[in-house]
Each structure stands twice: as structure tokens, then as C-alpha cells.
Amino acid sequence: MLFIYYIKISPFNPLTPLFFDLILIKVIFMIKSKLYQAISWRSFSFFASF
């Protein structure tokens, strides 16, 4: 609940862009690592099938 409240009042907070940039970077990094894992696992299973 405190997190949601912080987001609600955040437009009046000068640190908001930094806060959201950090979240965005974290999310993008997670997605990239998940995609990389999926691709590497797929290629590994593809090569292992020979």
C-alpha cells in the first residue's frame, strides 16, 4: 500500500524520474536476461538434438 501511495504522490516529487528510470532499467534487464536464457536454451537443445 505504501508503494502505491508513493506512486500516487510521486508527480510532485522531484526524484520521480530517477525512481521510474531505475524501475524501467530493472524491468528491461529482467526481460533481456529472460529472452537470452530462452534463446540460449533453445539453441542448446537444438544442437543437442543432432
N, C-alpha and C. Protein backbone atom coordinates (compact mmCIF):
# COMPACT_ATOMS: atom_id res chain seq x y z
N MET A 1 0.84 -1.20 0.00
CA MET A 1 0.00 0.00 0.00
C MET A 1 0.87 1.25 0.00
N LEU A 2 1.95 1.23 0.75
CA LEU A 2 2.84 2.39 0.81
C LEU A 2 3.46 2.66 -0.55
N PHE A 3 3.76 1.59 -1.28
CA PHE A 3 4.34 1.72 -2.61
C PHE A 3 3.38 2.43 -3.56
N ILE A 4 2.10 2.01 -3.54
CA ILE A 4 1.06 2.63 -4.37
C ILE A 4 0.88 4.09 -3.98
N TYR A 5 0.90 4.36 -2.69
CA TYR A 5 0.75 5.73 -2.21
C TYR A 5 1.91 6.58 -2.70
N TYR A 6 3.10 6.03 -2.68
CA TYR A 6 4.27 6.77 -3.14
C TYR A 6 4.14 7.10 -4.63
N ILE A 7 3.63 6.15 -5.41
CA ILE A 7 3.44 6.40 -6.85
C ILE A 7 2.39 7.48 -7.06
N LYS A 8 1.36 7.49 -6.21
CA LYS A 8 0.30 8.49 -6.36
C LYS A 8 0.82 9.89 -6.09
N ILE A 9 1.68 10.04 -5.08
CA ILE A 9 2.17 11.38 -4.76
C ILE A 9 3.43 11.72 -5.55
N SER A 10 3.95 10.78 -6.31
CA SER A 10 5.23 10.96 -6.97
C SER A 10 5.27 12.08 -8.02
N PRO A 11 4.18 12.44 -8.71
CA PRO A 11 4.29 13.56 -9.65
C PRO A 11 4.76 14.86 -9.01
N PHE A 12 4.60 14.99 -7.70
CA PHE A 12 5.04 16.19 -7.01
C PHE A 12 6.44 16.01 -6.41
N ASN A 13 7.04 14.87 -6.70
CA ASN A 13 8.35 14.56 -6.12
C ASN A 13 9.42 14.74 -7.20
N PRO A 14 10.45 15.54 -6.95
CA PRO A 14 11.49 15.75 -7.98
C PRO A 14 12.30 14.51 -8.30
N LEU A 15 12.29 13.53 -7.39
CA LEU A 15 13.07 12.31 -7.62
C LEU A 15 12.31 11.26 -8.43
N THR A 16 11.10 11.58 -8.84
CA THR A 16 10.27 10.61 -9.55
C THR A 16 10.90 10.08 -10.83
N PRO A 17 11.44 10.94 -11.71
CA PRO A 17 12.03 10.40 -12.94
C PRO A 17 13.14 9.39 -12.66
N LEU A 18 13.97 9.67 -11.67
CA LEU A 18 15.04 8.75 -11.31
C LEU A 18 14.45 7.42 -10.82
N PHE A 19 13.43 7.52 -9.98
CA PHE A 19 12.77 6.33 -9.44
C PHE A 19 12.23 5.45 -10.56
N PHE A 20 11.50 6.07 -11.50
CA PHE A 20 10.92 5.29 -12.59
C PHE A 20 11.97 4.80 -13.57
N ASP A 21 13.05 5.58 -13.75
CA ASP A 21 14.14 5.11 -14.60
C ASP A 21 14.76 3.84 -14.02
N LEU A 22 14.93 3.82 -12.71
CA LEU A 22 15.51 2.63 -12.07
C LEU A 22 14.61 1.42 -12.26
N ILE A 23 13.30 1.62 -12.09
CA ILE A 23 12.35 0.51 -12.28
C ILE A 23 12.40 0.03 -13.73
N LEU A 24 12.41 1.00 -14.67
CA LEU A 24 12.42 0.66 -16.09
C LEU A 24 13.68 -0.12 -16.45
N ILE A 25 14.82 0.33 -15.94
CA ILE A 25 16.09 -0.36 -16.21
C ILE A 25 16.04 -1.78 -15.66
N LYS A 26 15.50 -1.92 -14.45
CA LYS A 26 15.40 -3.25 -13.84
C LYS A 26 14.51 -4.17 -14.67
N VAL A 27 13.36 -3.66 -15.10
CA VAL A 27 12.42 -4.47 -15.89
C VAL A 27 13.04 -4.86 -17.23
N ILE A 28 13.68 -3.89 -17.89
CA ILE A 28 14.30 -4.17 -19.18
C ILE A 28 15.41 -5.21 -19.03
N PHE A 29 16.20 -5.08 -17.96
CA PHE A 29 17.28 -6.04 -17.72
C PHE A 29 16.71 -7.44 -17.48
N MET A 30 15.63 -7.53 -16.71
CA MET A 30 14.99 -8.82 -16.45
C MET A 30 14.49 -9.45 -17.74
N ILE A 31 13.82 -8.63 -18.57
CA ILE A 31 13.27 -9.15 -19.84
C ILE A 31 14.41 -9.61 -20.75
N LYS A 32 15.47 -8.81 -20.81
CA LYS A 32 16.60 -9.17 -21.66
C LYS A 32 17.23 -10.48 -21.20
N SER A 33 17.44 -10.63 -19.91
CA SER A 33 18.07 -11.85 -19.41
C SER A 33 17.17 -13.06 -19.63
N LYS A 34 15.85 -12.87 -19.47
CA LYS A 34 14.91 -13.98 -19.72
C LYS A 34 14.95 -14.37 -21.20
N LEU A 35 14.94 -13.38 -22.09
CA LEU A 35 15.00 -13.66 -23.52
C LEU A 35 16.30 -14.38 -23.87
N TYR A 36 17.40 -13.89 -23.31
CA TYR A 36 18.70 -14.50 -23.58
C TYR A 36 18.73 -15.95 -23.11
N GLN A 37 18.17 -16.20 -21.92
CA GLN A 37 18.12 -17.56 -21.40
C GLN A 37 17.28 -18.45 -22.31
N ALA A 38 16.13 -17.94 -22.76
CA ALA A 38 15.26 -18.74 -23.62
C ALA A 38 15.96 -19.05 -24.94
N ILE A 39 16.62 -18.05 -25.52
CA ILE A 39 17.29 -18.25 -26.81
C ILE A 39 18.45 -19.23 -26.66
N SER A 40 19.26 -19.05 -25.62
CA SER A 40 20.42 -19.93 -25.44
C SER A 40 19.95 -21.37 -25.14
N TRP A 41 18.89 -21.51 -24.35
CA TRP A 41 18.38 -22.85 -24.05
C TRP A 41 17.84 -23.51 -25.31
N ARG A 42 17.16 -22.74 -26.16
CA ARG A 42 16.60 -23.28 -27.39
C ARG A 42 17.72 -23.72 -28.33
N SER A 43 18.74 -22.88 -28.48
CA SER A 43 19.85 -23.23 -29.37
C SER A 43 20.61 -24.43 -28.81
N PHE A 44 20.73 -24.50 -27.48
CA PHE A 44 21.42 -25.63 -26.86
C PHE A 44 20.66 -26.93 -27.14
N SER A 45 19.34 -26.91 -26.96
CA SER A 45 18.55 -28.12 -27.20
C SER A 45 18.55 -28.46 -28.69
N PHE A 46 18.63 -27.43 -29.54
CA PHE A 46 18.68 -27.66 -30.99
C PHE A 46 19.98 -28.38 -31.36
N PHE A 47 21.10 -27.92 -30.79
CA PHE A 47 22.38 -28.56 -31.09
C PHE A 47 22.48 -29.94 -30.43
N ALA A 48 21.83 -30.10 -29.29
CA ALA A 48 21.89 -31.37 -28.58
C ALA A 48 21.07 -32.44 -29.30
N SER A 49 20.14 -32.02 -30.16
CA SER A 49 19.27 -32.98 -30.83
C SER A 49 19.99 -33.68 -31.98
N PHE A 50 21.14 -33.16 -32.41
CA PHE A 50 21.87 -33.79 -33.51
C PHE A 50 22.60 -35.05 -33.04
